[in-house]
Every structure is written in C-alpha cells, then in structure tokens.
Amino acid sequence: MGATLKGKIIISFTNDFETMSHTITYTFENFYYNDIAITGNRTMTRTHANANGNPETSMSLDMTITYPNGDVYHRTGTRTKEWSEGHDTPGISDDVFLITGSWSTTFPNGNVNSTTITTPLKIKRDCAYIVAGVITITRNANTATIDYGDGTCDNQATMTINGETSIITLDGF
C-alpha cells in the first residue's frame, strides 16, 4: 500500500535576469504524509555567477514536522554550494564544490543540535570523500568538531569531542 498524502505543496518560481538567477520556493500548506504534518518552506536560488564568478546554489529551510503522537521536530538553516572549479570544462572529473552553511534542529525533548560549517567543505568529483573543511556540532553543552583534512583524497577525518580527539573512517559517497 502506498503513502497517503493530503494538503498542498505550493511551488513558486522566479527569474531575475539582471543577476542571472532563478529562485524556487516550496511552501507546505496543510500538508500531511501518512498523518505526519509538514509545515514551513524551503527556498533554493541558483545564481549563474557569484562574487567569485562561479555558479552557486543557496538553500534556506524553515520546516516543522509534527507526528500524530504530538512529537515536534523543527529545523532551520541555510546552505550554499559553490561550483569553484571545473564548471568551464566539459568533463566532470575536475569539478570541485565548496559547501558552507549552518542549521539547527530542535527535538521533541527540547534538545537542540546546532551545526555550522566553520571552514568550507571541499568536495572533489573525482574523490568519494569530503577532502577538506570543518564542521562544528553543538548539542546542549557538548561540542564536536569534524576536520576533513588538507585536501588529500582519503577516508580519514579528525573528530574532537569536548577536547578529546580521535581519527574516524568515513564512508564514501
């Protein structure tokens, strides 16, 4: 049996010919997926050339999910993906992307996870792992930092939790 959907997802699309960008906004209105209420919106903007002259996609999100038992999850955040290398060549093996952003999730028990990309995440199309960048995650009074390294294509990262550092092995894309 399939999923039960009801309500509306309203999609709006705008073009800005002056900045060579387009924006798509998804708004959830009285929307339910199998009796799980989904409210809020997500906006994506694609820019032909950012301040560095590179293609870029930015996303903002403000969503709430409410389960039939009353549990509520809320996430807000932004993320930007810059196509920093290889966008001007026909092949994909030289493509490099830089990801920045931050987001926060509130759980039903009141815990809040906040995540910030403090150094842009670097993704090379010819590598199955994030090759550089730093993410900081905070939950209540605890902080973890994941450092993906110096740009070398490997499956290792350094994780520091409340001052204790260890090497972790990454799963590839």
N, C-alpha and C. Protein backbone atom coordinates (compact mmCIF):
# COMPACT_ATOMS: atom_id res chain seq x y z
N MET A 1 0.85 -1.17 0.00
CA MET A 1 0.00 0.00 0.00
C MET A 1 0.89 1.23 0.00
N GLY A 2 0.53 2.24 -0.71
CA GLY A 2 1.32 3.46 -0.82
C GLY A 2 1.08 4.43 0.32
N ALA A 3 1.79 5.51 0.25
CA ALA A 3 1.67 6.57 1.26
C ALA A 3 0.40 7.38 1.02
N THR A 4 -0.14 7.94 2.10
CA THR A 4 -1.29 8.82 2.00
C THR A 4 -0.81 10.26 2.10
N LEU A 5 -1.12 11.05 1.09
CA LEU A 5 -0.75 12.46 1.05
C LEU A 5 -2.00 13.31 1.02
N LYS A 6 -1.97 14.44 1.75
CA LYS A 6 -3.07 15.40 1.64
C LYS A 6 -2.51 16.79 1.91
N GLY A 7 -3.21 17.79 1.42
CA GLY A 7 -2.76 19.17 1.56
C GLY A 7 -2.10 19.66 0.29
N LYS A 8 -1.34 20.74 0.41
CA LYS A 8 -0.74 21.38 -0.76
C LYS A 8 0.76 21.60 -0.57
N ILE A 9 1.49 21.42 -1.65
CA ILE A 9 2.86 21.92 -1.75
C ILE A 9 2.80 22.98 -2.84
N ILE A 10 2.98 24.22 -2.46
CA ILE A 10 2.90 25.33 -3.41
C ILE A 10 4.32 25.66 -3.86
N ILE A 11 4.53 25.61 -5.16
CA ILE A 11 5.85 25.87 -5.73
C ILE A 11 5.79 27.16 -6.52
N SER A 12 6.67 28.10 -6.17
CA SER A 12 6.75 29.34 -6.95
C SER A 12 8.15 29.45 -7.55
N PHE A 13 8.20 30.03 -8.73
CA PHE A 13 9.44 30.11 -9.50
C PHE A 13 9.59 31.54 -10.00
N THR A 14 10.76 32.12 -9.76
CA THR A 14 11.02 33.47 -10.27
C THR A 14 12.38 33.51 -10.94
N ASN A 15 12.48 34.34 -11.96
CA ASN A 15 13.74 34.60 -12.65
C ASN A 15 14.15 36.04 -12.40
N ASP A 16 15.44 36.25 -12.19
CA ASP A 16 15.99 37.59 -12.10
C ASP A 16 17.03 37.71 -13.21
N PHE A 17 16.64 38.33 -14.30
CA PHE A 17 17.52 38.40 -15.45
C PHE A 17 18.71 39.32 -15.22
N GLU A 18 18.56 40.28 -14.31
CA GLU A 18 19.66 41.20 -14.02
C GLU A 18 20.81 40.47 -13.31
N THR A 19 20.48 39.62 -12.34
CA THR A 19 21.52 38.89 -11.60
C THR A 19 21.76 37.49 -12.17
N MET A 20 21.06 37.15 -13.24
CA MET A 20 21.19 35.82 -13.86
C MET A 20 20.96 34.72 -12.83
N SER A 21 19.81 34.81 -12.14
CA SER A 21 19.50 33.82 -11.12
C SER A 21 18.02 33.44 -11.21
N HIS A 22 17.71 32.29 -10.65
CA HIS A 22 16.31 31.91 -10.51
C HIS A 22 16.11 31.30 -9.12
N THR A 23 14.90 31.47 -8.61
CA THR A 23 14.57 31.03 -7.26
C THR A 23 13.33 30.16 -7.30
N ILE A 24 13.39 29.05 -6.57
CA ILE A 24 12.25 28.16 -6.43
C ILE A 24 11.92 28.07 -4.94
N THR A 25 10.66 28.33 -4.60
CA THR A 25 10.22 28.24 -3.20
C THR A 25 9.13 27.18 -3.10
N TYR A 26 9.29 26.29 -2.13
CA TYR A 26 8.30 25.27 -1.82
C TYR A 26 7.67 25.64 -0.49
N THR A 27 6.36 25.78 -0.47
CA THR A 27 5.64 26.08 0.77
C THR A 27 4.64 24.95 1.03
N PHE A 28 4.68 24.42 2.24
CA PHE A 28 3.80 23.32 2.61
C PHE A 28 2.60 23.89 3.35
N GLU A 29 1.41 23.66 2.79
CA GLU A 29 0.17 24.22 3.34
C GLU A 29 -0.78 23.08 3.70
N ASN A 30 -1.06 22.92 4.99
CA ASN A 30 -1.92 21.82 5.46
C ASN A 30 -1.51 20.49 4.83
N PHE A 31 -0.19 20.26 4.79
CA PHE A 31 0.32 19.07 4.11
C PHE A 31 0.59 17.96 5.13
N TYR A 32 0.17 16.75 4.75
CA TYR A 32 0.38 15.57 5.60
C TYR A 32 0.92 14.43 4.76
N TYR A 33 1.85 13.71 5.34
CA TYR A 33 2.36 12.47 4.76
C TYR A 33 2.08 11.38 5.80
N ASN A 34 1.12 10.49 5.49
CA ASN A 34 0.72 9.44 6.44
C ASN A 34 0.44 10.01 7.84
N ASP A 35 -0.37 11.04 7.92
CA ASP A 35 -0.77 11.68 9.19
C ASP A 35 0.36 12.42 9.90
N ILE A 36 1.49 12.59 9.25
CA ILE A 36 2.59 13.40 9.78
C ILE A 36 2.47 14.78 9.13
N ALA A 37 2.27 15.81 9.96
CA ALA A 37 2.10 17.18 9.43
C ALA A 37 3.47 17.77 9.09
N ILE A 38 3.56 18.37 7.92
CA ILE A 38 4.78 19.05 7.48
C ILE A 38 4.40 20.48 7.15
N THR A 39 5.02 21.43 7.84
CA THR A 39 4.74 22.85 7.60
C THR A 39 6.06 23.58 7.39
N GLY A 40 5.96 24.72 6.75
CA GLY A 40 7.14 25.55 6.53
C GLY A 40 7.46 25.73 5.07
N ASN A 41 8.71 26.12 4.82
CA ASN A 41 9.10 26.36 3.44
C ASN A 41 10.58 26.10 3.23
N ARG A 42 10.91 25.92 1.97
CA ARG A 42 12.28 25.72 1.52
C ARG A 42 12.46 26.55 0.27
N THR A 43 13.55 27.31 0.22
CA THR A 43 13.83 28.17 -0.93
C THR A 43 15.20 27.84 -1.48
N MET A 44 15.28 27.68 -2.79
CA MET A 44 16.56 27.43 -3.46
C MET A 44 16.77 28.51 -4.51
N THR A 45 17.98 29.09 -4.51
CA THR A 45 18.33 30.10 -5.50
C THR A 45 19.58 29.65 -6.23
N ARG A 46 19.51 29.63 -7.54
CA ARG A 46 20.64 29.26 -8.40
C ARG A 46 21.11 30.52 -9.08
N THR A 47 22.40 30.85 -8.89
CA THR A 47 23.00 32.04 -9.47
C THR A 47 24.03 31.62 -10.50
N HIS A 48 23.98 32.23 -11.67
CA HIS A 48 24.92 31.89 -12.74
C HIS A 48 26.35 32.22 -12.36
N ALA A 49 26.58 33.35 -11.71
CA ALA A 49 27.93 33.76 -11.31
C ALA A 49 27.85 34.53 -9.99
N ASN A 50 28.48 33.98 -8.95
CA ASN A 50 28.51 34.67 -7.66
C ASN A 50 29.63 35.73 -7.68
N ALA A 51 29.99 36.25 -6.52
CA ALA A 51 31.03 37.29 -6.45
C ALA A 51 32.38 36.80 -6.95
N ASN A 52 32.60 35.47 -6.89
CA ASN A 52 33.85 34.89 -7.40
C ASN A 52 33.76 34.52 -8.88
N GLY A 53 32.58 34.75 -9.49
CA GLY A 53 32.38 34.39 -10.89
C GLY A 53 31.98 32.94 -11.09
N ASN A 54 31.63 32.23 -10.01
CA ASN A 54 31.30 30.81 -10.09
C ASN A 54 29.80 30.57 -9.93
N PRO A 55 29.29 29.50 -10.55
CA PRO A 55 27.89 29.13 -10.31
C PRO A 55 27.70 28.76 -8.83
N GLU A 56 26.50 29.05 -8.32
CA GLU A 56 26.24 28.83 -6.90
C GLU A 56 24.77 28.51 -6.69
N THR A 57 24.50 27.60 -5.78
CA THR A 57 23.14 27.30 -5.36
C THR A 57 23.05 27.51 -3.85
N SER A 58 22.08 28.31 -3.42
CA SER A 58 21.87 28.50 -1.99
C SER A 58 20.48 27.99 -1.62
N MET A 59 20.38 27.50 -0.39
CA MET A 59 19.13 26.93 0.08
C MET A 59 18.87 27.43 1.49
N SER A 60 17.63 27.81 1.75
CA SER A 60 17.22 28.14 3.12
C SER A 60 16.01 27.27 3.45
N LEU A 61 15.89 26.95 4.73
CA LEU A 61 14.89 25.99 5.16
C LEU A 61 14.33 26.42 6.51
N ASP A 62 13.02 26.32 6.64
CA ASP A 62 12.35 26.52 7.93
C ASP A 62 11.17 25.55 7.94
N MET A 63 11.39 24.37 8.50
CA MET A 63 10.39 23.30 8.42
C MET A 63 10.08 22.76 9.81
N THR A 64 8.82 22.36 9.98
CA THR A 64 8.38 21.71 11.21
C THR A 64 7.66 20.42 10.83
N ILE A 65 8.01 19.35 11.53
CA ILE A 65 7.36 18.06 11.33
C ILE A 65 6.70 17.68 12.65
N THR A 66 5.39 17.39 12.58
CA THR A 66 4.63 17.03 13.78
C THR A 66 4.04 15.64 13.58
N TYR A 67 4.41 14.73 14.47
CA TYR A 67 3.91 13.36 14.41
C TYR A 67 2.56 13.26 15.10
N PRO A 68 1.77 12.24 14.76
CA PRO A 68 0.44 12.08 15.37
C PRO A 68 0.48 12.01 16.90
N ASN A 69 1.58 11.53 17.49
CA ASN A 69 1.68 11.44 18.95
C ASN A 69 2.04 12.78 19.60
N GLY A 70 2.19 13.84 18.78
CA GLY A 70 2.49 15.16 19.30
C GLY A 70 3.96 15.55 19.26
N ASP A 71 4.86 14.61 18.94
CA ASP A 71 6.28 14.94 18.84
C ASP A 71 6.51 15.93 17.70
N VAL A 72 7.28 16.99 18.01
CA VAL A 72 7.54 18.05 17.03
C VAL A 72 9.05 18.19 16.83
N TYR A 73 9.45 18.19 15.58
CA TYR A 73 10.83 18.44 15.17
C TYR A 73 10.83 19.72 14.33
N HIS A 74 11.79 20.59 14.58
CA HIS A 74 11.85 21.86 13.83
C HIS A 74 13.29 22.07 13.37
N ARG A 75 13.46 22.37 12.09
CA ARG A 75 14.79 22.65 11.54
C ARG A 75 14.77 23.95 10.77
N THR A 76 15.78 24.77 11.02
CA THR A 76 16.02 25.98 10.24
C THR A 76 17.47 25.95 9.80
N GLY A 77 17.74 26.58 8.67
CA GLY A 77 19.13 26.64 8.26
C GLY A 77 19.32 27.15 6.86
N THR A 78 20.59 27.28 6.52
CA THR A 78 20.98 27.70 5.18
C THR A 78 22.17 26.86 4.74
N ARG A 79 22.31 26.71 3.44
CA ARG A 79 23.46 26.02 2.87
C ARG A 79 23.74 26.62 1.51
N THR A 80 25.02 26.79 1.21
CA THR A 80 25.43 27.31 -0.09
C THR A 80 26.44 26.36 -0.70
N LYS A 81 26.24 26.05 -1.97
CA LYS A 81 27.15 25.17 -2.72
C LYS A 81 27.70 25.96 -3.89
N GLU A 82 29.01 26.25 -3.84
CA GLU A 82 29.68 26.98 -4.91
C GLU A 82 30.46 25.99 -5.77
N TRP A 83 30.27 26.08 -7.07
CA TRP A 83 30.98 25.24 -8.03
C TRP A 83 32.28 25.97 -8.34
N SER A 84 33.32 25.71 -7.54
CA SER A 84 34.52 26.55 -7.56
C SER A 84 35.51 26.21 -8.66
N GLU A 85 35.50 24.97 -9.15
CA GLU A 85 36.42 24.57 -10.22
C GLU A 85 35.72 23.61 -11.17
N GLY A 86 36.09 23.67 -12.44
CA GLY A 86 35.62 22.71 -13.42
C GLY A 86 34.31 23.04 -14.10
N HIS A 87 33.66 24.13 -13.71
CA HIS A 87 32.37 24.47 -14.34
C HIS A 87 32.54 24.94 -15.77
N ASP A 88 33.76 25.26 -16.16
CA ASP A 88 34.00 25.75 -17.51
C ASP A 88 34.64 24.69 -18.41
N THR A 89 34.60 23.41 -17.98
CA THR A 89 35.14 22.32 -18.80
C THR A 89 34.04 21.30 -19.06
N PRO A 90 34.15 20.51 -20.14
CA PRO A 90 33.09 19.56 -20.46
C PRO A 90 33.05 18.33 -19.55
N GLY A 91 34.18 17.92 -18.99
CA GLY A 91 34.22 16.74 -18.13
C GLY A 91 33.84 17.07 -16.70
N ILE A 92 33.58 16.02 -15.92
CA ILE A 92 33.20 16.25 -14.52
C ILE A 92 34.31 15.91 -13.54
N SER A 93 35.37 15.23 -14.00
CA SER A 93 36.40 14.77 -13.06
C SER A 93 37.19 15.91 -12.42
N ASP A 94 37.15 17.10 -13.02
CA ASP A 94 37.87 18.24 -12.44
C ASP A 94 36.96 19.17 -11.63
N ASP A 95 35.71 18.76 -11.43
CA ASP A 95 34.76 19.60 -10.69
C ASP A 95 35.08 19.61 -9.19
N VAL A 96 35.02 20.80 -8.60
CA VAL A 96 35.24 20.98 -7.17
C VAL A 96 34.13 21.89 -6.64
N PHE A 97 33.57 21.51 -5.49
CA PHE A 97 32.49 22.27 -4.87
C PHE A 97 32.89 22.67 -3.46
N LEU A 98 32.47 23.86 -3.05
CA LEU A 98 32.67 24.35 -1.68
C LEU A 98 31.30 24.54 -1.04
N ILE A 99 31.10 23.92 0.12
CA ILE A 99 29.82 23.96 0.81
C ILE A 99 29.99 24.76 2.11
N THR A 100 29.08 25.72 2.33
CA THR A 100 29.06 26.48 3.58
C THR A 100 27.63 26.45 4.13
N GLY A 101 27.48 26.83 5.40
CA GLY A 101 26.13 26.93 5.94
C GLY A 101 26.06 26.59 7.41
N SER A 102 24.84 26.69 7.91
CA SER A 102 24.57 26.33 9.30
C SER A 102 23.09 25.98 9.42
N TRP A 103 22.78 25.13 10.39
CA TRP A 103 21.39 24.74 10.61
C TRP A 103 21.22 24.32 12.06
N SER A 104 19.98 24.32 12.48
CA SER A 104 19.66 23.99 13.86
C SER A 104 18.41 23.12 13.86
N THR A 105 18.44 22.06 14.66
CA THR A 105 17.30 21.16 14.78
C THR A 105 16.87 21.09 16.24
N THR A 106 15.58 21.30 16.48
CA THR A 106 15.02 21.17 17.82
C THR A 106 14.22 19.87 17.87
N PHE A 107 14.50 19.06 18.89
CA PHE A 107 13.86 17.76 19.05
C PHE A 107 12.72 17.85 20.06
N PRO A 108 11.82 16.86 20.07
CA PRO A 108 10.67 16.91 20.98
C PRO A 108 11.04 17.05 22.46
N ASN A 109 12.19 16.52 22.86
CA ASN A 109 12.60 16.60 24.27
C ASN A 109 13.24 17.94 24.62
N GLY A 110 13.30 18.85 23.65
CA GLY A 110 13.87 20.17 23.89
C GLY A 110 15.34 20.30 23.52
N ASN A 111 16.01 19.17 23.26
CA ASN A 111 17.41 19.24 22.83
C ASN A 111 17.51 19.97 21.50
N VAL A 112 18.57 20.74 21.37
CA VAL A 112 18.83 21.48 20.14
C VAL A 112 20.20 21.08 19.62
N ASN A 113 20.26 20.63 18.37
CA ASN A 113 21.52 20.38 17.68
C ASN A 113 21.77 21.56 16.76
N SER A 114 22.93 22.19 16.90
CA SER A 114 23.31 23.28 16.00
C SER A 114 24.56 22.85 15.26
N THR A 115 24.54 22.98 13.95
CA THR A 115 25.67 22.58 13.12
C THR A 115 26.10 23.78 12.29
N THR A 116 27.41 24.03 12.27
CA THR A 116 27.96 25.12 11.48
C THR A 116 29.17 24.61 10.72
N ILE A 117 29.21 24.90 9.44
CA ILE A 117 30.41 24.61 8.65
C ILE A 117 31.33 25.81 8.87
N THR A 118 32.37 25.61 9.70
CA THR A 118 33.24 26.72 10.08
C THR A 118 34.34 26.97 9.06
N THR A 119 34.72 25.95 8.30
CA THR A 119 35.63 26.08 7.16
C THR A 119 34.94 25.35 6.02
N PRO A 120 34.80 25.97 4.83
CA PRO A 120 34.03 25.35 3.75
C PRO A 120 34.43 23.90 3.49
N LEU A 121 33.42 23.05 3.33
CA LEU A 121 33.66 21.66 2.96
C LEU A 121 34.03 21.62 1.49
N LYS A 122 35.09 20.91 1.17
CA LYS A 122 35.57 20.82 -0.21
C LYS A 122 35.28 19.42 -0.73
N ILE A 123 34.53 19.38 -1.83
CA ILE A 123 34.17 18.11 -2.45
C ILE A 123 34.74 18.10 -3.86
N LYS A 124 35.58 17.09 -4.13
CA LYS A 124 36.14 16.90 -5.47
C LYS A 124 35.38 15.76 -6.12
N ARG A 125 34.92 15.99 -7.34
CA ARG A 125 34.10 14.98 -8.03
C ARG A 125 34.86 13.67 -8.21
N ASP A 126 36.20 13.74 -8.30
CA ASP A 126 36.98 12.52 -8.53
C ASP A 126 37.39 11.83 -7.23
N CYS A 127 36.77 12.18 -6.11
CA CYS A 127 37.07 11.56 -4.82
C CYS A 127 35.75 11.20 -4.13
N ALA A 128 35.71 10.05 -3.48
CA ALA A 128 34.49 9.58 -2.83
C ALA A 128 34.29 10.15 -1.42
N TYR A 129 35.18 11.08 -1.00
CA TYR A 129 35.12 11.62 0.36
C TYR A 129 35.23 13.14 0.34
N ILE A 130 34.71 13.77 1.37
CA ILE A 130 34.97 15.20 1.57
C ILE A 130 36.46 15.31 1.84
N VAL A 131 37.16 16.21 1.14
CA VAL A 131 38.62 16.26 1.24
C VAL A 131 39.14 17.35 2.17
N ALA A 132 38.32 18.32 2.52
CA ALA A 132 38.76 19.40 3.42
C ALA A 132 37.53 20.07 4.01
N GLY A 133 37.76 20.84 5.07
CA GLY A 133 36.69 21.58 5.70
C GLY A 133 36.46 21.14 7.14
N VAL A 134 35.74 21.98 7.87
CA VAL A 134 35.49 21.71 9.28
C VAL A 134 34.02 21.98 9.60
N ILE A 135 33.41 21.03 10.31
CA ILE A 135 32.03 21.16 10.80
C ILE A 135 32.07 21.16 12.33
N THR A 136 31.32 22.06 12.94
CA THR A 136 31.17 22.07 14.40
C THR A 136 29.71 21.78 14.74
N ILE A 137 29.51 20.80 15.62
CA ILE A 137 28.17 20.39 16.03
C ILE A 137 28.06 20.61 17.54
N THR A 138 26.99 21.29 17.95
CA THR A 138 26.77 21.54 19.37
C THR A 138 25.41 20.99 19.76
N ARG A 139 25.39 20.22 20.84
CA ARG A 139 24.14 19.73 21.41
C ARG A 139 24.20 20.01 22.91
N ASN A 140 23.29 20.87 23.34
CA ASN A 140 23.27 21.31 24.73
C ASN A 140 24.65 21.85 25.09
N ALA A 141 25.37 21.27 26.05
CA ALA A 141 26.67 21.80 26.46
C ALA A 141 27.83 21.06 25.80
N ASN A 142 27.54 20.13 24.89
CA ASN A 142 28.58 19.31 24.27
C ASN A 142 28.88 19.79 22.86
N THR A 143 30.17 19.79 22.51
CA THR A 143 30.58 20.24 21.18
C THR A 143 31.46 19.18 20.53
N ALA A 144 31.22 18.93 19.25
CA ALA A 144 32.06 18.04 18.45
C ALA A 144 32.50 18.80 17.21
N THR A 145 33.74 18.55 16.80
CA THR A 145 34.27 19.15 15.58
C THR A 145 34.80 18.03 14.70
N ILE A 146 34.45 18.08 13.42
CA ILE A 146 34.97 17.13 12.45
C ILE A 146 35.81 17.92 11.45
N ASP A 147 37.09 17.54 11.33
CA ASP A 147 38.02 18.18 10.41
C ASP A 147 38.35 17.18 9.32
N TYR A 148 37.99 17.52 8.08
CA TYR A 148 38.15 16.60 6.97
C TYR A 148 39.53 16.64 6.33
N GLY A 149 40.43 17.46 6.83
CA GLY A 149 41.81 17.40 6.36
C GLY A 149 42.22 18.53 5.46
N ASP A 150 43.30 18.27 4.70
CA ASP A 150 44.01 19.30 3.95
C ASP A 150 43.74 19.28 2.45
N GLY A 151 42.80 18.46 1.99
CA GLY A 151 42.52 18.38 0.57
C GLY A 151 42.92 17.05 -0.05
N THR A 152 43.60 16.21 0.73
CA THR A 152 44.00 14.89 0.25
C THR A 152 42.78 13.99 0.17
N CYS A 153 42.69 13.22 -0.90
CA CYS A 153 41.57 12.28 -1.06
C CYS A 153 41.85 11.03 -0.23
N ASP A 154 41.27 10.99 0.97
CA ASP A 154 41.38 9.82 1.83
C ASP A 154 40.10 9.67 2.65
N ASN A 155 39.98 8.54 3.31
CA ASN A 155 38.75 8.26 4.07
C ASN A 155 38.93 8.55 5.56
N GLN A 156 39.82 9.47 5.90
CA GLN A 156 40.11 9.79 7.29
C GLN A 156 39.69 11.22 7.63
N ALA A 157 39.18 11.40 8.83
CA ALA A 157 38.87 12.73 9.36
C ALA A 157 39.22 12.71 10.84
N THR A 158 39.37 13.88 11.41
CA THR A 158 39.66 14.01 12.83
C THR A 158 38.40 14.51 13.53
N MET A 159 38.00 13.78 14.58
CA MET A 159 36.84 14.20 15.35
C MET A 159 37.30 14.58 16.76
N THR A 160 36.88 15.75 17.19
CA THR A 160 37.19 16.21 18.55
C THR A 160 35.87 16.43 19.28
N ILE A 161 35.71 15.73 20.40
CA ILE A 161 34.50 15.86 21.22
C ILE A 161 34.94 16.30 22.61
N ASN A 162 34.50 17.48 23.01
CA ASN A 162 34.82 18.02 24.33
C ASN A 162 36.31 17.89 24.65
N GLY A 163 37.17 18.20 23.66
CA GLY A 163 38.61 18.22 23.86
C GLY A 163 39.33 16.92 23.59
N GLU A 164 38.62 15.81 23.38
CA GLU A 164 39.26 14.53 23.09
C GLU A 164 39.19 14.27 21.59
N THR A 165 40.37 14.00 20.99
CA THR A 165 40.48 13.87 19.54
C THR A 165 40.73 12.42 19.15
N SER A 166 40.07 12.00 18.06
CA SER A 166 40.29 10.66 17.50
C SER A 166 40.18 10.73 15.99
N ILE A 167 40.74 9.72 15.33
CA ILE A 167 40.64 9.60 13.88
C ILE A 167 39.42 8.75 13.58
N ILE A 168 38.60 9.19 12.61
CA ILE A 168 37.44 8.41 12.21
C ILE A 168 37.59 8.03 10.74
N THR A 169 36.97 6.90 10.37
CA THR A 169 36.98 6.43 8.99
C THR A 169 35.64 6.78 8.36
N LEU A 170 35.70 7.41 7.20
CA LEU A 170 34.50 7.89 6.52
C LEU A 170 33.95 6.86 5.55
N ASP A 171 32.65 6.86 5.35
CA ASP A 171 32.02 6.11 4.27
C ASP A 171 32.03 7.01 3.05
N GLY A 172 32.24 6.45 1.87
CA GLY A 172 32.25 7.25 0.65
C GLY A 172 30.85 7.58 0.18
N PHE A 173 30.79 8.47 -0.80
CA PHE A 173 29.51 8.88 -1.38
C PHE A 173 28.93 7.76 -2.20
